């Protein structure tokens, strides 16, 4: 489940429900979550590569930066959505 990595970080069922709702109804959010999942698979695969060459290390670092950027976007969007829902 692509959104599973994020659902594990949420503490309560209400937040999990909101996250799934946002994932299913916001195309950009879904793309970010799906891309983060793909990058996670790629970084896991690269980290297991032996020996690690300098070019692979550079690629891995780039993927990690991209993954972190997406994670920030995802949590910011989720928190905005949660705030909006709670204020209505």
N, C-alpha and C. Protein backbone atom coordinates (compact mmCIF):
# COMPACT_ATOMS: atom_id res chain seq x y z
N UNK A 1 0.84 -1.18 0.00
CA UNK A 1 0.00 0.00 0.00
C UNK A 1 0.89 1.24 0.00
N UNK A 2 0.77 2.05 -1.02
CA UNK A 2 1.65 3.20 -1.20
C UNK A 2 1.53 4.22 -0.08
N UNK A 3 0.34 4.38 0.46
CA UNK A 3 0.17 5.37 1.52
C UNK A 3 0.47 4.79 2.89
N UNK A 4 0.79 3.51 2.96
CA UNK A 4 1.04 2.83 4.22
C UNK A 4 2.16 3.42 5.05
N UNK A 5 3.22 3.89 4.37
CA UNK A 5 4.35 4.48 5.09
C UNK A 5 3.91 5.68 5.92
N UNK A 6 2.98 6.44 5.39
CA UNK A 6 2.50 7.64 6.08
C UNK A 6 1.45 7.29 7.13
N UNK A 7 0.61 6.33 6.82
CA UNK A 7 -0.44 5.94 7.77
C UNK A 7 0.17 5.42 9.07
N UNK A 8 1.32 4.77 8.97
CA UNK A 8 2.00 4.26 10.17
C UNK A 8 2.40 5.39 11.12
N UNK A 9 2.65 6.57 10.56
CA UNK A 9 3.09 7.71 11.37
C UNK A 9 1.94 8.44 12.05
N UNK A 10 0.72 8.17 11.61
CA UNK A 10 -0.43 8.85 12.19
C UNK A 10 -0.90 8.14 13.45
N UNK A 11 -1.25 8.91 14.46
CA UNK A 11 -1.55 8.37 15.78
C UNK A 11 -2.98 7.87 15.96
N UNK A 12 -3.93 8.48 15.26
CA UNK A 12 -5.31 8.08 15.52
C UNK A 12 -6.06 7.77 14.24
N UNK A 13 -7.17 7.11 14.40
CA UNK A 13 -7.97 6.67 13.25
C UNK A 13 -8.56 7.84 12.48
N UNK A 14 -8.89 8.91 13.17
CA UNK A 14 -9.44 10.09 12.50
C UNK A 14 -8.44 10.66 11.50
N UNK A 15 -7.17 10.77 11.92
CA UNK A 15 -6.13 11.28 11.02
C UNK A 15 -5.89 10.33 9.85
N UNK A 16 -5.92 9.05 10.14
CA UNK A 16 -5.74 8.06 9.06
C UNK A 16 -6.86 8.18 8.04
N UNK A 17 -8.08 8.37 8.52
CA UNK A 17 -9.23 8.52 7.63
C UNK A 17 -9.09 9.78 6.78
N UNK A 18 -8.66 10.88 7.40
CA UNK A 18 -8.44 12.13 6.67
C UNK A 18 -7.35 11.98 5.62
N UNK A 19 -6.28 11.28 5.96
CA UNK A 19 -5.18 11.07 5.02
C UNK A 19 -5.68 10.28 3.80
N UNK A 20 -6.42 9.22 4.04
CA UNK A 20 -6.95 8.41 2.95
C UNK A 20 -7.92 9.22 2.10
N UNK A 21 -8.75 10.01 2.75
CA UNK A 21 -9.70 10.86 2.05
C UNK A 21 -8.97 11.84 1.12
N UNK A 22 -7.93 12.47 1.64
CA UNK A 22 -7.14 13.40 0.84
C UNK A 22 -6.45 12.67 -0.31
N UNK A 23 -5.90 11.50 -0.03
CA UNK A 23 -5.23 10.69 -1.05
C UNK A 23 -6.19 10.33 -2.19
N UNK A 24 -7.40 10.00 -1.84
CA UNK A 24 -8.37 9.57 -2.84
C UNK A 24 -9.01 10.72 -3.61
N UNK A 25 -8.95 11.94 -3.06
CA UNK A 25 -9.66 13.06 -3.67
C UNK A 25 -8.77 14.18 -4.21
N UNK A 26 -7.49 14.13 -3.96
CA UNK A 26 -6.59 15.18 -4.43
C UNK A 26 -5.51 14.54 -5.30
N UNK A 27 -5.58 14.82 -6.59
CA UNK A 27 -4.67 14.16 -7.54
C UNK A 27 -3.20 14.51 -7.29
N UNK A 28 -2.92 15.77 -6.97
CA UNK A 28 -1.53 16.15 -6.68
C UNK A 28 -1.00 15.41 -5.45
N UNK A 29 -1.80 15.37 -4.42
CA UNK A 29 -1.42 14.68 -3.19
C UNK A 29 -1.13 13.21 -3.47
N UNK A 30 -2.02 12.58 -4.22
CA UNK A 30 -1.84 11.17 -4.59
C UNK A 30 -0.54 10.97 -5.36
N UNK A 31 -0.26 11.86 -6.30
CA UNK A 31 0.98 11.76 -7.08
C UNK A 31 2.20 11.87 -6.18
N UNK A 32 2.16 12.80 -5.21
CA UNK A 32 3.28 12.96 -4.29
C UNK A 32 3.50 11.70 -3.46
N UNK A 33 2.42 11.15 -2.94
CA UNK A 33 2.52 9.94 -2.10
C UNK A 33 3.03 8.78 -2.94
N UNK A 34 2.50 8.62 -4.13
CA UNK A 34 2.92 7.52 -5.00
C UNK A 34 4.39 7.67 -5.41
N UNK A 35 4.80 8.89 -5.72
CA UNK A 35 6.20 9.15 -6.11
C UNK A 35 7.12 8.89 -4.92
N UNK A 36 6.70 9.30 -3.73
CA UNK A 36 7.51 9.05 -2.52
C UNK A 36 7.70 7.55 -2.34
N UNK A 37 6.64 6.78 -2.55
CA UNK A 37 6.72 5.32 -2.43
C UNK A 37 7.74 4.76 -3.44
N UNK A 38 7.65 5.22 -4.68
CA UNK A 38 8.58 4.74 -5.72
C UNK A 38 10.02 5.07 -5.36
N UNK A 39 10.24 6.29 -4.86
CA UNK A 39 11.59 6.68 -4.46
C UNK A 39 12.08 5.85 -3.27
N UNK A 40 11.17 5.51 -2.38
CA UNK A 40 11.53 4.68 -1.24
C UNK A 40 12.01 3.31 -1.71
N UNK A 41 11.31 2.73 -2.66
CA UNK A 41 11.72 1.44 -3.22
C UNK A 41 13.09 1.55 -3.88
N UNK A 42 13.30 2.62 -4.66
CA UNK A 42 14.59 2.82 -5.34
C UNK A 42 15.73 3.01 -4.36
N UNK A 43 15.51 3.82 -3.32
CA UNK A 43 16.58 4.06 -2.36
C UNK A 43 16.91 2.78 -1.58
N UNK A 44 15.89 2.02 -1.23
CA UNK A 44 16.14 0.74 -0.54
C UNK A 44 16.99 -0.18 -1.40
N UNK A 45 16.68 -0.22 -2.68
CA UNK A 45 17.41 -1.07 -3.62
C UNK A 45 18.87 -0.60 -3.76
N UNK A 46 19.05 0.71 -3.90
CA UNK A 46 20.41 1.25 -4.05
C UNK A 46 21.24 1.05 -2.79
N UNK A 47 20.62 1.19 -1.63
CA UNK A 47 21.36 1.03 -0.38
C UNK A 47 21.90 -0.38 -0.20
N UNK A 48 21.28 -1.34 -0.86
CA UNK A 48 21.73 -2.73 -0.77
C UNK A 48 22.80 -3.06 -1.80
N UNK A 49 23.08 -2.12 -2.70
CA UNK A 49 24.05 -2.35 -3.76
C UNK A 49 25.45 -2.42 -3.17
N UNK A 50 26.17 -3.45 -3.55
CA UNK A 50 27.53 -3.62 -3.04
C UNK A 50 28.43 -4.04 -4.18
N UNK A 51 29.50 -3.38 -4.48
CA UNK A 51 30.00 -2.19 -3.79
C UNK A 51 29.28 -0.93 -4.24
N UNK A 52 29.32 0.06 -3.37
CA UNK A 52 28.69 1.35 -3.66
C UNK A 52 29.70 2.22 -4.39
N UNK A 53 29.39 2.58 -5.61
CA UNK A 53 30.28 3.43 -6.39
C UNK A 53 29.96 4.90 -6.11
N UNK A 54 30.89 5.78 -6.42
CA UNK A 54 30.62 7.22 -6.22
C UNK A 54 29.38 7.70 -6.98
N UNK A 55 29.19 7.22 -8.18
CA UNK A 55 28.01 7.65 -8.95
C UNK A 55 26.72 7.13 -8.31
N UNK A 56 26.75 5.92 -7.78
CA UNK A 56 25.57 5.39 -7.09
C UNK A 56 25.31 6.16 -5.81
N UNK A 57 26.36 6.55 -5.11
CA UNK A 57 26.20 7.35 -3.89
C UNK A 57 25.55 8.69 -4.22
N UNK A 58 25.98 9.31 -5.31
CA UNK A 58 25.40 10.59 -5.72
C UNK A 58 23.93 10.42 -6.08
N UNK A 59 23.63 9.36 -6.81
CA UNK A 59 22.24 9.09 -7.19
C UNK A 59 21.38 8.86 -5.95
N UNK A 60 21.91 8.09 -5.01
CA UNK A 60 21.19 7.80 -3.78
C UNK A 60 20.91 9.08 -2.99
N UNK A 61 21.90 9.94 -2.89
CA UNK A 61 21.71 11.20 -2.16
C UNK A 61 20.66 12.08 -2.85
N UNK A 62 20.68 12.11 -4.17
CA UNK A 62 19.69 12.89 -4.91
C UNK A 62 18.28 12.34 -4.67
N UNK A 63 18.14 11.03 -4.71
CA UNK A 63 16.84 10.40 -4.48
C UNK A 63 16.35 10.69 -3.06
N UNK A 64 17.26 10.65 -2.11
CA UNK A 64 16.88 10.93 -0.72
C UNK A 64 16.42 12.37 -0.55
N UNK A 65 17.10 13.30 -1.21
CA UNK A 65 16.68 14.71 -1.14
C UNK A 65 15.29 14.89 -1.74
N UNK A 66 15.07 14.25 -2.89
CA UNK A 66 13.77 14.35 -3.55
C UNK A 66 12.68 13.73 -2.67
N UNK A 67 13.00 12.61 -2.06
CA UNK A 67 12.05 11.93 -1.18
C UNK A 67 11.70 12.80 0.03
N UNK A 68 12.69 13.45 0.60
CA UNK A 68 12.48 14.33 1.75
C UNK A 68 11.63 15.54 1.36
N UNK A 69 11.89 16.09 0.20
CA UNK A 69 11.09 17.21 -0.29
C UNK A 69 9.62 16.81 -0.44
N UNK A 70 9.39 15.65 -1.03
CA UNK A 70 8.03 15.15 -1.19
C UNK A 70 7.36 14.93 0.16
N UNK A 71 8.12 14.38 1.09
CA UNK A 71 7.56 14.14 2.43
C UNK A 71 7.12 15.45 3.07
N UNK A 72 7.92 16.49 2.92
CA UNK A 72 7.54 17.81 3.43
C UNK A 72 6.26 18.31 2.77
N UNK A 73 6.18 18.19 1.45
CA UNK A 73 4.97 18.61 0.73
C UNK A 73 3.75 17.84 1.21
N UNK A 74 3.91 16.54 1.37
CA UNK A 74 2.81 15.67 1.79
C UNK A 74 2.30 16.08 3.17
N UNK A 75 3.20 16.23 4.14
CA UNK A 75 2.76 16.56 5.50
C UNK A 75 2.19 17.97 5.57
N UNK A 76 2.77 18.90 4.83
CA UNK A 76 2.22 20.26 4.82
C UNK A 76 0.80 20.26 4.27
N UNK A 77 0.60 19.57 3.16
CA UNK A 77 -0.73 19.50 2.54
C UNK A 77 -1.72 18.80 3.48
N UNK A 78 -1.28 17.71 4.09
CA UNK A 78 -2.16 16.99 5.02
C UNK A 78 -2.56 17.88 6.20
N UNK A 79 -1.60 18.59 6.77
CA UNK A 79 -1.89 19.44 7.92
C UNK A 79 -2.82 20.59 7.54
N UNK A 80 -2.64 21.15 6.34
CA UNK A 80 -3.57 22.19 5.85
C UNK A 80 -4.97 21.62 5.71
N UNK A 81 -5.06 20.44 5.14
CA UNK A 81 -6.36 19.78 4.93
C UNK A 81 -7.03 19.48 6.27
N UNK A 82 -6.27 18.95 7.19
CA UNK A 82 -6.79 18.62 8.52
C UNK A 82 -7.31 19.87 9.21
N UNK A 83 -6.55 20.95 9.13
CA UNK A 83 -6.95 22.22 9.75
C UNK A 83 -8.26 22.71 9.12
N UNK A 84 -8.33 22.63 7.81
CA UNK A 84 -9.53 23.08 7.09
C UNK A 84 -10.76 22.27 7.52
N UNK A 85 -10.60 20.95 7.60
CA UNK A 85 -11.70 20.07 8.00
C UNK A 85 -12.13 20.36 9.43
N UNK A 86 -11.17 20.54 10.32
CA UNK A 86 -11.49 20.79 11.73
C UNK A 86 -12.12 22.16 11.96
N UNK A 87 -11.85 23.12 11.08
CA UNK A 87 -12.41 24.46 11.24
C UNK A 87 -13.80 24.61 10.61
N UNK A 88 -14.25 23.58 9.92
CA UNK A 88 -15.58 23.64 9.30
C UNK A 88 -16.65 23.01 10.16
